[in-house]
Protein backbone atom coordinates (compact mmCIF):
# COMPACT_ATOMS: atom_id res chain seq x y z
CA MET A 1 66.10 97.44 129.83
CA THR A 2 69.95 96.41 129.85
CA ARG A 3 71.25 93.82 127.38
CA LYS A 4 73.42 91.33 128.33
CA VAL A 5 76.64 91.46 126.05
CA SER A 6 79.73 89.63 125.75
CA ILE A 7 83.17 90.69 124.20
CA PHE A 8 85.54 87.96 122.90
CA GLY A 9 88.66 89.29 122.02
CA ALA A 10 88.30 91.90 124.24
CA THR A 11 91.81 93.35 124.74
CA GLY A 12 92.92 93.60 121.03
CA SER A 13 91.91 96.94 119.02
CA ILE A 14 88.25 95.69 117.82
CA GLY A 15 87.62 94.67 121.34
CA GLN A 16 89.09 98.05 122.72
CA ASN A 17 87.13 100.09 120.59
CA THR A 18 84.14 98.05 121.48
CA ILE A 19 84.70 98.36 125.46
CA ASP A 20 84.88 102.22 124.52
CA LEU A 21 81.94 102.68 123.37
CA ILE A 22 79.81 100.28 125.88
CA ALA A 23 81.60 102.29 129.05
CA ARG A 24 80.10 105.37 127.51
CA ASP A 25 76.77 104.22 128.31
CA PRO A 26 77.28 101.43 131.16
CA GLU A 27 74.04 101.62 132.81
CA ALA A 28 72.81 99.87 129.40
CA TYR A 29 75.08 96.74 129.64
CA ASP A 30 74.92 94.25 131.41
CA VAL A 31 78.32 92.82 130.71
CA VAL A 32 78.65 89.09 130.64
CA ALA A 33 82.26 87.38 129.22
CA LEU A 34 85.20 89.26 128.16
CA THR A 35 88.07 87.37 126.94
CA GLY A 36 91.64 88.09 125.92
CA ALA A 37 95.22 86.38 125.62
CA SER A 38 98.21 87.38 127.38
CA ASN A 39 97.57 91.27 127.91
CA ILE A 40 95.89 90.42 131.79
CA GLU A 41 96.29 94.24 133.06
CA THR A 42 93.87 95.30 130.79
CA LEU A 43 91.80 92.09 130.71
CA ALA A 44 91.62 92.75 134.60
CA ALA A 45 91.01 96.49 134.30
CA ASP A 46 88.28 96.49 132.22
CA ALA A 47 86.41 93.37 133.35
CA ILE A 48 86.36 95.30 137.03
CA ARG A 49 85.37 98.56 135.62
CA LEU A 50 82.17 96.99 133.09
CA ARG A 51 81.54 94.68 136.30
CA ALA A 52 82.11 91.40 133.90
CA ASP A 53 80.26 88.30 135.51
CA ILE A 54 83.75 86.65 134.01
CA ALA A 55 86.89 87.18 132.06
CA ILE A 56 88.69 84.44 130.52
CA THR A 57 92.53 84.22 129.16
CA ALA A 58 92.95 81.70 126.51
CA ASP A 59 96.55 80.96 127.81
CA GLU A 60 96.21 78.87 130.57
CA THR A 61 99.57 79.87 132.19
CA ARG A 62 98.11 83.19 132.65
CA LEU A 63 94.84 82.26 134.82
CA ASP A 64 97.14 82.65 138.29
CA ALA A 65 97.87 86.19 137.07
CA LEU A 66 94.40 87.01 136.53
CA ARG A 67 93.07 85.77 139.33
CA ASP A 68 95.56 87.56 141.27
CA ALA A 69 94.46 90.95 139.14
CA LEU A 70 90.56 90.51 140.04
CA ALA A 71 90.80 88.87 143.39
CA GLY A 72 88.17 91.13 145.44
CA ARG A 73 86.38 92.55 142.71
CA GLY A 74 83.78 90.25 142.11
CA VAL A 75 84.86 88.98 138.84
CA GLU A 76 85.18 85.13 137.89
CA ALA A 77 88.51 84.17 136.37
CA ALA A 78 88.41 81.05 133.94
CA ALA A 79 91.31 80.11 131.71
CA GLY A 80 91.99 78.10 128.43
CA PRO A 81 89.54 76.79 125.41
CA SER A 82 87.21 75.09 127.41
CA ALA A 83 87.06 78.24 129.46
CA LEU A 84 85.79 80.17 126.17
CA ILE A 85 83.00 77.87 125.27
CA GLU A 86 81.67 77.62 128.26
CA ALA A 87 81.51 81.71 128.44
CA ALA A 88 79.96 81.32 124.56
CA GLN A 89 77.28 79.36 126.16
CA ARG A 90 76.10 81.97 128.83
CA PRO A 91 72.82 83.53 127.84
CA ALA A 92 73.53 87.12 126.16
CA ASP A 93 71.99 89.35 123.66
CA TRP A 94 74.79 90.17 121.80
CA VAL A 95 78.52 88.85 121.15
CA MET A 96 81.34 90.64 119.39
CA SER A 97 83.52 87.81 118.14
CA ALA A 98 86.87 89.75 117.36
CA ILE A 99 89.03 86.50 118.48
CA VAL A 100 91.97 86.70 116.04
CA GLY A 101 92.24 83.65 113.81
CA ALA A 102 90.52 80.31 113.33
CA ALA A 103 90.42 79.94 117.29
CA GLY A 104 87.42 82.51 116.98
CA LEU A 105 85.01 79.73 114.90
CA GLU A 106 84.10 77.30 117.71
CA PRO A 107 82.72 80.19 120.55
CA GLY A 108 81.18 82.41 117.53
CA LEU A 109 79.11 79.47 116.66
CA ARG A 110 78.39 78.37 120.77
CA ALA A 111 76.95 81.76 120.86
CA LEU A 112 74.65 81.72 117.63
CA GLU A 113 73.46 78.44 119.08
CA GLN A 114 72.54 80.22 121.85
CA GLY A 115 70.34 82.39 119.67
CA ALA A 116 72.39 85.70 120.36
CA THR A 117 73.05 88.19 117.84
CA LEU A 118 76.55 87.45 116.66
CA ALA A 119 79.11 90.73 115.17
CA LEU A 120 81.08 89.12 113.59
CA ALA A 121 85.00 90.89 113.70
CA ASN A 122 86.28 87.22 112.94
CA LYS A 123 86.34 86.80 109.34
CA GLU A 124 88.26 83.66 109.67
CA SER A 125 84.84 82.05 110.91
CA LEU A 126 82.95 82.79 107.68
CA VAL A 127 86.44 81.89 105.69
CA CYS A 128 86.93 78.53 107.01
CA ALA A 129 82.94 77.30 107.42
CA GLY A 130 80.90 80.07 106.16
CA GLN A 131 77.98 77.57 105.27
CA LEU A 132 78.43 76.25 108.91
CA VAL A 133 78.16 79.24 110.33
CA LEU A 134 75.02 80.81 108.09
CA ALA A 135 73.16 77.20 109.04
CA THR A 136 73.73 77.29 112.57
CA ALA A 137 72.43 81.40 112.73
CA LYS A 138 69.59 80.17 110.45
CA ALA A 139 68.77 77.28 112.76
CA HIS A 140 68.88 79.01 116.52
CA GLY A 141 67.34 82.15 114.97
CA ALA A 142 70.14 84.22 115.67
CA GLN A 143 71.51 87.09 113.93
CA LEU A 144 74.89 87.35 112.15
CA LEU A 145 75.64 91.09 111.59
CA PRO A 146 79.04 92.17 109.99
CA VAL A 147 82.03 94.21 111.70
CA ASP A 148 84.56 94.31 109.20
CA SER A 149 84.70 98.28 107.94
CA GLU A 150 84.03 96.98 104.17
CA HIS A 151 81.43 93.89 104.77
CA SER A 152 79.36 96.78 107.31
CA ALA A 153 79.68 99.03 104.35
CA VAL A 154 78.35 96.50 102.38
CA PHE A 155 75.11 95.76 104.47
CA GLN A 156 74.31 99.17 104.79
CA ALA A 157 74.15 99.90 101.14
CA LEU A 158 72.33 96.89 100.75
CA LEU A 159 68.94 98.12 103.28
CA GLY A 160 66.01 97.65 101.68
CA GLU A 161 67.39 97.03 98.17
CA ASP A 162 66.84 94.00 96.13
CA MET A 163 69.76 91.15 96.14
CA THR A 164 68.76 90.72 92.77
CA ALA A 165 69.25 93.74 91.26
CA VAL A 166 73.05 93.73 92.45
CA GLU A 167 75.39 93.76 89.64
CA ARG A 168 78.75 93.67 91.89
CA ILE A 169 79.93 94.63 95.31
CA ILE A 170 83.22 96.74 95.53
CA ILE A 171 85.58 96.79 98.42
CA THR A 172 88.08 98.76 99.11
CA ALA A 173 91.75 98.50 100.28
CA SER A 174 94.08 100.90 101.58
CA GLY A 175 97.11 99.20 100.01
CA GLY A 176 98.67 98.61 103.30
CA ALA A 177 102.71 99.31 104.33
CA PHE A 178 103.72 98.74 100.85
CA ARG A 179 101.53 100.09 98.29
CA ASP A 180 103.81 102.68 96.70
CA TRP A 181 107.00 100.30 97.00
CA PRO A 182 109.12 99.47 93.93
CA LEU A 183 108.30 95.79 93.73
CA ASP A 184 111.59 94.91 93.54
CA ARG A 185 111.96 96.30 97.17
CA LEU A 186 109.46 93.83 98.58
CA ALA A 187 111.76 91.24 98.90
CA THR A 188 113.82 93.09 101.87
CA ALA A 189 110.62 94.07 103.19
CA THR A 190 111.14 93.72 106.98
CA LEU A 191 108.87 93.03 109.86
CA ALA A 192 108.62 96.25 111.47
CA GLN A 193 108.37 97.70 107.84
CA ALA A 194 105.35 95.47 107.78
CA SER A 195 103.83 96.17 110.68
CA SER A 196 103.70 99.79 110.14
CA HIS A 197 99.79 100.70 108.75
CA PRO A 198 99.57 104.23 106.45
CA ASN A 199 95.97 104.50 107.62
CA TRP A 200 94.35 102.18 110.52
CA ASP A 201 95.59 101.85 114.14
CA MET A 202 95.47 98.00 114.10
CA GLY A 203 97.28 95.17 115.75
CA GLN A 204 100.30 93.43 114.64
CA ARG A 205 98.86 90.59 112.51
CA ILE A 206 96.40 92.00 111.02
CA THR A 207 98.39 95.47 109.94
CA ILE A 208 101.00 92.60 108.37
CA ASP A 209 97.71 90.79 106.59
CA SER A 210 96.83 94.44 105.12
CA ALA A 211 100.68 94.93 103.75
CA SER A 212 100.26 91.43 101.98
CA MET A 213 96.55 92.28 101.05
CA PHE A 214 96.07 88.76 102.89
CA ASN A 215 93.54 90.48 104.79
CA LYS A 216 91.63 91.46 101.82
CA ALA A 217 91.86 88.22 100.68
CA LEU A 218 89.80 86.63 103.00
CA GLU A 219 87.49 89.84 102.59
CA LEU A 220 86.51 88.17 99.34
CA ILE A 221 85.93 85.32 100.46
CA GLU A 222 84.04 86.63 103.19
CA THR A 223 81.81 88.64 101.20
CA ARG A 224 80.54 85.59 98.94
CA GLU A 225 79.71 83.56 102.19
CA TYR A 226 78.06 86.35 103.84
CA PHE A 227 76.25 88.04 100.69
CA GLY A 228 75.81 84.92 98.99
CA VAL A 229 77.10 86.53 95.60
CA ARG A 230 78.91 84.87 92.76
CA PRO A 231 82.88 85.42 92.77
CA SER A 232 83.24 87.40 89.59
CA GLN A 233 80.36 89.78 90.95
CA ILE A 234 83.47 90.78 93.61
CA GLU A 235 86.15 93.80 93.00
CA VAL A 236 88.68 94.83 94.95
CA LEU A 237 89.66 98.34 94.17
CA VAL A 238 93.04 100.55 95.96
CA HIS A 239 91.95 103.61 97.51
CA PRO A 240 94.72 104.82 99.95
CA GLU A 241 92.64 107.46 101.86
CA SER A 242 90.47 105.10 103.16
CA MET A 243 86.88 106.83 103.27
CA ILE A 244 85.09 104.93 100.66
CA HIS A 245 84.99 101.08 102.50
CA ALA A 246 82.64 99.73 99.98
CA MET A 247 80.29 100.21 97.27
CA VAL A 248 77.56 98.00 95.77
CA GLY A 249 76.75 98.16 91.82
CA PHE A 250 73.03 97.97 90.94
CA ASN A 251 71.46 96.97 87.33
CA ASP A 252 70.61 100.20 86.72
CA GLY A 253 74.14 101.21 86.76
CA ALA A 254 74.11 102.89 89.86
CA LEU A 255 76.99 102.70 92.67
CA MET A 256 75.80 103.24 96.52
CA ALA A 257 79.09 104.01 98.24
CA HIS A 258 79.47 103.99 102.18
CA VAL A 259 81.90 107.24 103.39
CA GLY A 260 83.41 107.70 106.82
CA PRO A 261 86.58 108.41 108.36
CA PRO A 262 88.62 105.20 109.21
CA ASP A 263 87.49 104.60 112.61
CA MET A 264 86.23 101.34 113.48
CA ARG A 265 83.94 102.40 116.03
CA HIS A 266 81.61 103.27 113.29
CA ALA A 267 80.84 99.75 112.01
CA ILE A 268 81.01 98.33 115.84
CA GLY A 269 78.67 101.18 116.88
CA PHE A 270 76.46 99.94 114.02
CA ALA A 271 76.15 96.66 114.97
CA LEU A 272 75.55 97.33 118.31
CA HIS A 273 72.84 99.31 118.16
CA HIS A 274 71.29 98.20 115.11
CA PRO A 275 68.69 98.62 113.88
CA VAL A 276 68.59 101.98 115.37
CA ARG A 277 71.20 104.40 114.08
CA LYS A 278 73.06 105.97 117.27
CA ALA A 279 75.05 109.20 117.53
CA LEU A 280 78.64 107.73 117.57
CA PRO A 281 82.15 109.55 118.74
CA VAL A 282 83.70 109.51 115.20
CA ASP A 283 85.50 112.26 113.50
CA ARG A 284 82.51 114.19 110.59
CA LEU A 285 84.27 114.16 107.11
CA ASP A 286 84.87 117.52 105.35
CA LEU A 287 85.19 116.27 102.02
CA ALA A 288 86.12 119.76 100.83
CA GLN A 289 89.03 119.59 102.83
CA ILE A 290 89.91 116.53 101.69
CA GLY A 291 89.96 117.74 98.53
CA ALA A 292 90.01 114.30 96.45
CA LEU A 293 89.73 110.81 96.73
CA THR A 294 91.87 108.49 94.47
CA PHE A 295 91.46 104.87 93.30
CA ARG A 296 93.12 102.46 91.26
CA ALA A 297 93.20 98.88 90.70
CA PRO A 298 95.11 96.47 93.00
CA ASP A 299 98.36 94.73 91.03
CA GLU A 300 98.15 90.76 91.33
CA VAL A 301 101.77 90.53 90.89
CA ARG A 302 102.17 93.13 94.19
CA TRP A 303 99.69 91.26 96.04
CA PRO A 304 99.36 87.39 94.96
CA ALA A 305 97.21 86.62 97.67
CA LEU A 306 94.14 88.16 95.80
CA ARG A 307 94.54 85.37 92.93
CA LEU A 308 94.84 82.70 95.45
CA ALA A 309 91.59 83.98 97.08
CA ARG A 310 89.66 83.74 93.95
CA GLU A 311 91.02 80.26 93.45
CA VAL A 312 89.90 79.24 96.68
CA MET A 313 86.32 80.66 96.01
CA GLU A 314 86.13 78.71 92.73
CA ARG A 315 87.45 75.26 94.65
CA GLY A 316 84.52 75.76 97.65
CA GLY A 317 84.18 73.36 100.25
CA LEU A 318 86.67 73.29 102.79
CA ALA A 319 89.38 75.46 100.72
CA GLY A 320 89.31 78.48 102.67
CA ALA A 321 90.06 76.25 106.00
CA VAL A 322 93.24 75.51 104.34
CA PHE A 323 93.86 78.51 103.12
CA ASN A 324 93.53 80.44 106.21
CA ALA A 325 95.54 77.98 108.59
CA ALA A 326 98.51 78.13 105.78
CA LYS A 327 98.32 82.19 105.66
CA GLU A 328 98.19 82.14 109.66
CA SER A 329 101.42 79.67 110.22
CA ALA A 330 103.08 81.52 107.01
CA LEU A 331 102.30 84.97 109.03
CA ASP A 332 103.47 83.22 112.28
CA GLY A 333 106.91 82.52 110.23
CA PHE A 334 107.75 85.98 108.42
CA ILE A 335 107.30 87.25 112.13
CA ALA A 336 109.86 84.61 113.35
CA GLY A 337 112.37 85.90 110.49
CA GLN A 338 112.11 82.28 109.21
CA ILE A 339 110.44 83.52 105.57
CA GLY A 340 110.92 86.74 104.03
CA PHE A 341 107.61 88.92 103.36
CA GLN A 342 107.14 87.57 99.73
CA ALA A 343 107.33 84.22 101.01
CA MET A 344 104.21 84.12 103.14
CA ALA A 345 101.97 83.98 99.50
CA GLU A 346 104.56 81.28 98.12
CA VAL A 347 104.14 79.09 101.19
CA VAL A 348 99.71 79.39 101.07
CA GLU A 349 100.08 78.68 97.08
CA GLU A 350 102.48 75.75 97.76
CA VAL A 351 99.96 74.36 100.58
CA LEU A 352 96.63 74.86 98.75
CA GLN A 353 98.73 72.89 95.59
CA THR A 354 99.20 69.99 97.75
CA THR A 355 96.23 69.82 99.51
CA PRO A 356 94.79 66.30 98.87
CA THR A 357 91.35 66.84 97.27
CA GLY A 358 89.83 64.71 99.62
CA HIS A 359 90.13 66.82 102.12
CA ILE A 360 89.03 69.79 100.37
CA ASP A 361 85.50 68.27 99.42
CA ALA A 362 84.83 66.99 102.65
CA PRO A 363 81.54 67.51 104.35
CA MET A 364 81.89 70.97 106.36
CA THR A 365 81.50 69.79 109.75
CA LEU A 366 83.38 71.71 112.83
CA ASP A 367 85.53 68.44 112.93
CA ASN A 368 86.31 68.33 109.72
CA VAL A 369 86.89 72.12 109.46
CA ARG A 370 89.39 71.57 112.57
CA ASN A 371 91.48 68.51 110.61
CA ALA A 372 91.79 71.11 107.59
CA ASP A 373 92.75 73.23 109.22
CA GLN A 374 95.17 71.34 111.82
CA MET A 375 96.39 69.28 108.33
CA ALA A 376 97.01 72.73 106.41
CA ARG A 377 99.00 74.60 109.68
CA GLN A 378 101.15 71.27 109.47
CA ALA A 379 102.08 71.54 106.01
CA ALA A 380 102.74 75.33 106.03
CA ARG A 381 105.47 74.71 108.77
CA ASP A 382 107.00 71.88 106.83
CA VAL A 383 107.51 74.17 103.69
CA ILE A 384 108.72 77.09 106.36
CA GLU A 385 111.07 74.81 107.49
CA GLN A 386 112.55 73.26 104.25
CA ARG A 387 112.98 76.90 102.81
CA ALA A 388 114.71 78.23 106.18
CA GLY A 389 116.70 75.19 106.36
């Protein structure tokens, strides 16, 4: 019996790894929708190869190019935010949510409303609107499975366990491109240097977020939202080898660790086949050859994003939406050359400090999340312009 699947963010690294797994057993899946942005060639080729019902580009200016690429191949073409929402409302058994940024929130919500299993790689959904996402899943009998390697690892370590016995959750971080740089050198870090990850093969934005540790900051908030633990129970540990993805500590002193190669197909495959554990085309670790695994505490002077994430968790409400929007705008500013690497955290902190309390404490509805997002983006752009000017 085939399963109906959709992949939102099909042309990114998570989407491409998902397609790699599905393409290995194409008769098991009926692909409903693939979505992407500007990489029309890849989007069209994958839609044709997987015989998708529809391919959608988020960039409305690329619709003609997508139609041309799909002409005569039996795949529908569409573009724009409304087309993404319509595709998310098409019946599917399993949906990969891998759109980067806050743009992935509403398609994920619409998929949950259809009762689909949502494989969540879009961490911003839980950061911006965790209560709303979880409530939507519960209301519609949908399942939410984590695809971040860290949260998949925690999920697996908790299988069969009693959450009341959990004392702490430890998520690991590679430390990114600048983990061993002298602090005084960070002010001169270039875009090219920040865009190179020592362990993982990821897109540019998430690679830079890894270097700044904003990616891990988002994952701190995501851990709290998904697993319902207190902020004080969540720890970050720098682990340069990226072999242990997370650990769960229990009240008897035991630590349950998830160990695996730095290959996103493990977390994706676990979510794709859950609750069955199936063979995956990932490397098998040779621990004797690896020899040693190392760990160190994160330096919040080097990575102020971690401190900001803890402040956001303590504040609650829509602080996560403000934090994420300011972070995305600050990243845009760094990529555009308007601000330096270290200024990203400074911009985010300034936006958090100046956001009116009323915006943070507003009820968590989709409209209020959008309003907080738009307000924070504009505030961040204003701060960046002031600094650039």
